[in-house]
Amino acid sequence: MQIVLCDDHEIVREALRRRIEAESGLEIVGEAGNGEQVRQVVRKLQPDLLITDVELPGSDGIAAAAELVKERPDLRVLVMSAHEEPALVSFAAESGAAGFIGKSQITDQIIPAIEALAKGRRWFPQGVDSDEELGEGLRRLRSLSPRERQILDLFATGMKARGVSEVIGIRPATVYTHVRNAIHKLNVDSRTQAVAIAVRYSYLTNSPED
């Protein structure tokens, strides 16, 4: 199996290369450090599998993978991330990835995950591995109202609640209410997690304006 590996940290790519190429039949034929590079490398080398981090300079790995899978439906994509929120896993699956692996488990799981994808199976975190469960995570992401997305976007710029309230003309208490609602909808534990998910993948949440 010919593999392209994409991560913006060279030390991570080197560690993964050594682990993967220790197995017979697996070969890293190309590497990339950002979203634009991985598009170029995959189009040039036509690998069987792309392994990509989510957070990349310039363009996130899921967006790059979605574009490449649309061009080549036979391309298998394994997404890796330090974060494993169900909404993020669901977004990866919706975008065409065949697998998702948390970086905390990557040493033990990278080879089994590759083997599963090579056999035409999928590989997602336990508890988020069925179409129904993946659909539920995506439903949560899309359930955010335009106002909730707007507030999370403003928080992502570093703005405080009072500044957000002044910009959009509502009371700070109302801002906090919207944030609590977003946290609940996304099934996360904090405002920081909600912001990370909702802002990075806001282009999936195209519900009508309030």
Protein backbone atom coordinates (compact mmCIF):
# COMPACT_ATOMS: atom_id res chain seq x y z
CA MET A 1 0.00 0.00 0.00
CA GLN A 2 1.40 3.39 -1.02
CA ILE A 3 0.81 6.13 1.54
CA VAL A 4 1.12 9.91 1.68
CA LEU A 5 1.65 11.34 5.15
CA CYS A 6 0.71 14.90 6.09
CA ASP A 7 1.56 16.64 9.37
CA ASP A 8 3.08 20.06 9.96
CA HIS A 9 5.59 18.65 12.47
CA GLU A 10 8.52 16.88 10.84
CA ILE A 11 9.30 14.90 14.00
CA VAL A 12 5.77 13.45 13.95
CA ARG A 13 6.09 12.46 10.29
CA GLU A 14 9.44 10.81 10.95
CA ALA A 15 8.09 8.79 13.88
CA LEU A 16 5.08 7.66 11.85
CA ARG A 17 7.25 6.81 8.85
CA ARG A 18 9.44 4.53 10.96
CA ARG A 19 6.42 2.85 12.56
CA ILE A 20 4.56 2.33 9.27
CA GLU A 21 7.48 1.21 7.12
CA ALA A 22 8.46 -1.38 9.74
CA GLU A 23 5.46 -3.32 8.43
CA SER A 24 5.86 -5.21 5.17
CA GLY A 25 3.73 -4.01 2.30
CA LEU A 26 3.41 -0.43 3.54
CA GLU A 27 5.39 2.38 1.94
CA ILE A 28 5.41 6.14 2.54
CA VAL A 29 5.77 7.52 -0.98
CA GLY A 30 5.35 11.20 -0.12
CA GLU A 31 5.02 13.72 2.70
CA ALA A 32 3.47 17.14 3.14
CA GLY A 33 3.43 19.79 5.84
CA ASN A 34 0.33 21.80 4.98
CA GLY A 35 -2.99 21.62 3.19
CA GLU A 36 -1.79 22.99 -0.13
CA GLN A 37 1.25 20.70 -0.24
CA VAL A 38 -0.81 17.61 0.47
CA ARG A 39 -3.12 18.41 -2.43
CA GLN A 40 -0.14 18.67 -4.77
CA VAL A 41 1.58 15.53 -3.47
CA VAL A 42 -1.53 13.35 -3.62
CA ARG A 43 -2.42 14.52 -7.12
CA LYS A 44 1.11 13.84 -8.33
CA LEU A 45 1.74 10.48 -6.64
CA GLN A 46 -1.78 8.98 -6.65
CA PRO A 47 -1.33 6.99 -3.40
CA ASP A 48 -3.72 4.38 -2.05
CA LEU A 49 -4.00 6.07 1.35
CA LEU A 50 -3.66 9.57 2.76
CA ILE A 51 -2.94 9.97 6.46
CA THR A 52 -3.43 13.59 7.49
CA ASP A 53 -3.56 15.69 10.62
CA VAL A 54 -6.59 17.96 11.03
CA GLU A 55 -4.81 21.15 12.08
CA LEU A 56 -2.50 22.29 9.31
CA PRO A 57 -1.12 25.69 8.26
CA GLY A 58 -3.25 27.41 5.66
CA SER A 59 -5.96 24.79 5.21
CA ASP A 60 -7.15 22.09 7.58
CA GLY A 61 -6.57 18.45 6.70
CA ILE A 62 -10.24 17.53 6.53
CA ALA A 63 -10.96 20.22 3.95
CA ALA A 64 -8.02 19.03 1.85
CA ALA A 65 -9.13 15.41 2.19
CA ALA A 66 -12.70 16.25 1.16
CA GLU A 67 -11.45 17.90 -2.02
CA LEU A 68 -9.15 15.00 -2.88
CA VAL A 69 -11.76 12.30 -2.21
CA LYS A 70 -14.20 14.16 -4.45
CA GLU A 71 -11.61 13.98 -7.23
CA ARG A 72 -10.66 10.37 -6.45
CA PRO A 73 -13.42 8.40 -4.70
CA ASP A 74 -11.11 5.38 -4.38
CA LEU A 75 -8.64 7.32 -2.22
CA ARG A 76 -8.73 6.12 1.40
CA VAL A 77 -8.20 8.82 4.02
CA LEU A 78 -7.24 8.36 7.66
CA VAL A 79 -7.58 11.55 9.71
CA MET A 80 -5.59 12.01 12.91
CA SER A 81 -6.12 14.64 15.58
CA ALA A 82 -5.30 15.49 19.17
CA HIS A 83 -9.03 16.10 19.65
CA GLU A 84 -11.73 13.45 19.40
CA GLU A 85 -14.99 15.36 19.88
CA PRO A 86 -17.89 13.47 18.24
CA ALA A 87 -18.72 16.48 16.06
CA LEU A 88 -15.17 16.55 14.70
CA VAL A 89 -15.20 12.81 14.01
CA SER A 90 -18.57 13.18 12.29
CA PHE A 91 -17.28 16.02 10.16
CA ALA A 92 -14.32 13.92 9.05
CA ALA A 93 -16.64 11.08 8.03
CA GLU A 94 -19.04 13.46 6.26
CA SER A 95 -16.08 14.86 4.33
CA GLY A 96 -15.09 11.45 2.97
CA ALA A 97 -12.57 10.10 5.47
CA ALA A 98 -12.70 6.35 6.02
CA GLY A 99 -11.09 6.55 9.43
CA PHE A 100 -10.24 8.79 12.37
CA ILE A 101 -7.59 8.16 14.99
CA GLY A 102 -6.71 10.16 18.11
CA LYS A 103 -3.04 11.05 18.44
CA SER A 104 -2.99 9.66 21.97
CA GLN A 105 -3.71 6.19 20.52
CA ILE A 106 -1.74 6.50 17.32
CA THR A 107 1.26 4.37 18.36
CA ASP A 108 -0.89 1.34 19.08
CA GLN A 109 -3.63 1.87 16.53
CA ILE A 110 -2.00 3.25 13.39
CA ILE A 111 -1.19 -0.18 11.87
CA PRO A 112 -4.57 -1.79 12.67
CA ALA A 113 -6.27 1.32 11.28
CA ILE A 114 -4.28 1.17 8.04
CA GLU A 115 -5.00 -2.55 7.68
CA ALA A 116 -8.73 -1.96 8.21
CA LEU A 117 -8.84 0.74 5.54
CA ALA A 118 -6.82 -1.44 3.16
CA LYS A 119 -9.53 -4.09 3.46
CA GLY A 120 -12.27 -1.60 2.67
CA ARG A 121 -13.44 -1.16 6.27
CA ARG A 122 -13.70 1.99 8.34
CA TRP A 123 -11.88 2.94 11.54
CA PHE A 124 -13.47 5.40 13.95
CA PRO A 125 -13.22 5.83 17.75
CA GLN A 126 -15.18 3.37 19.82
CA GLY A 127 -18.66 4.71 20.40
CA VAL A 128 -18.54 6.90 17.27
CA ASP A 129 -18.25 4.25 14.60
CA SER A 130 -21.70 3.74 13.12
CA ASP A 131 -23.53 5.78 10.51
CA GLU A 132 -26.18 6.62 13.11
CA GLU A 133 -23.64 7.87 15.65
CA LEU A 134 -21.65 9.81 13.06
CA GLY A 135 -24.85 11.38 11.80
CA GLU A 136 -25.78 12.40 15.32
CA GLY A 137 -22.47 14.22 15.77
CA LEU A 138 -22.97 16.09 12.52
CA ARG A 139 -26.56 16.89 13.45
CA ARG A 140 -25.28 18.52 16.63
CA LEU A 141 -22.87 20.64 14.63
CA ARG A 142 -25.55 21.77 12.22
CA SER A 143 -28.02 22.49 15.04
CA LEU A 144 -26.15 25.63 16.09
CA SER A 145 -28.18 28.74 15.35
CA PRO A 146 -26.65 31.59 13.32
CA ARG A 147 -26.54 33.68 16.52
CA GLU A 148 -24.66 30.94 18.38
CA ARG A 149 -22.17 30.63 15.53
CA GLN A 150 -21.72 34.40 15.45
CA ILE A 151 -20.98 34.55 19.17
CA LEU A 152 -18.54 31.65 19.07
CA ASP A 153 -16.80 33.28 16.12
CA LEU A 154 -16.38 36.51 18.08
CA PHE A 155 -15.01 34.64 21.08
CA ALA A 156 -12.51 32.99 18.73
CA THR A 157 -11.03 36.43 17.98
CA GLY A 158 -10.17 36.82 21.67
CA MET A 159 -13.12 39.05 22.47
CA LYS A 160 -14.67 38.92 25.96
CA ALA A 161 -18.37 38.54 26.70
CA ARG A 162 -18.89 42.27 27.25
CA GLY A 163 -17.25 43.08 23.93
CA VAL A 164 -19.37 40.47 22.17
CA SER A 165 -22.53 41.92 23.72
CA GLU A 166 -21.61 45.42 22.53
CA VAL A 167 -20.86 44.28 18.99
CA ILE A 168 -24.14 42.47 18.44
CA GLY A 169 -26.33 44.57 20.76
CA ILE A 170 -27.42 42.07 23.41
CA ARG A 171 -26.83 41.80 27.16
CA PRO A 172 -23.77 39.86 28.45
CA ALA A 173 -26.13 37.47 30.24
CA THR A 174 -27.74 36.66 26.89
CA VAL A 175 -24.32 36.01 25.41
CA TYR A 176 -23.64 33.46 28.13
CA THR A 177 -27.01 31.85 27.52
CA HIS A 178 -26.19 31.35 23.85
CA VAL A 179 -22.78 29.90 24.76
CA ARG A 180 -24.33 27.44 27.22
CA ASN A 181 -26.80 26.38 24.55
CA ALA A 182 -23.97 25.82 22.05
CA ILE A 183 -21.99 23.76 24.57
CA HIS A 184 -25.04 21.62 25.20
CA LYS A 185 -25.80 21.16 21.50
CA LEU A 186 -22.23 20.14 20.68
CA ASN A 187 -22.01 17.84 23.70
CA VAL A 188 -18.69 19.32 24.85
CA ASP A 189 -17.43 20.44 28.25
CA SER A 190 -16.35 24.02 27.75
CA ARG A 191 -16.67 27.19 25.70
CA THR A 192 -13.14 26.63 24.37
CA GLN A 193 -14.10 23.27 22.89
CA ALA A 194 -17.29 24.69 21.40
CA VAL A 195 -15.37 27.55 19.78
CA ALA A 196 -12.75 25.18 18.35
CA ILE A 197 -15.37 22.99 16.69
CA ALA A 198 -17.92 25.56 15.58
CA VAL A 199 -15.52 28.11 14.12
CA ARG A 200 -13.23 25.70 12.29
CA TYR A 201 -16.16 23.88 10.71
CA SER A 202 -18.72 26.67 10.53
CA TYR A 203 -19.10 26.26 6.76
CA LEU A 204 -20.97 23.01 7.41
CA THR A 205 -23.63 24.74 9.47
CA ASN A 206 -25.57 26.46 6.71
CA SER A 207 -28.96 26.80 8.40
CA PRO A 208 -31.26 29.70 7.48
CA GLU A 209 -30.55 33.00 9.20
CA ASP A 210 -32.54 33.82 12.32
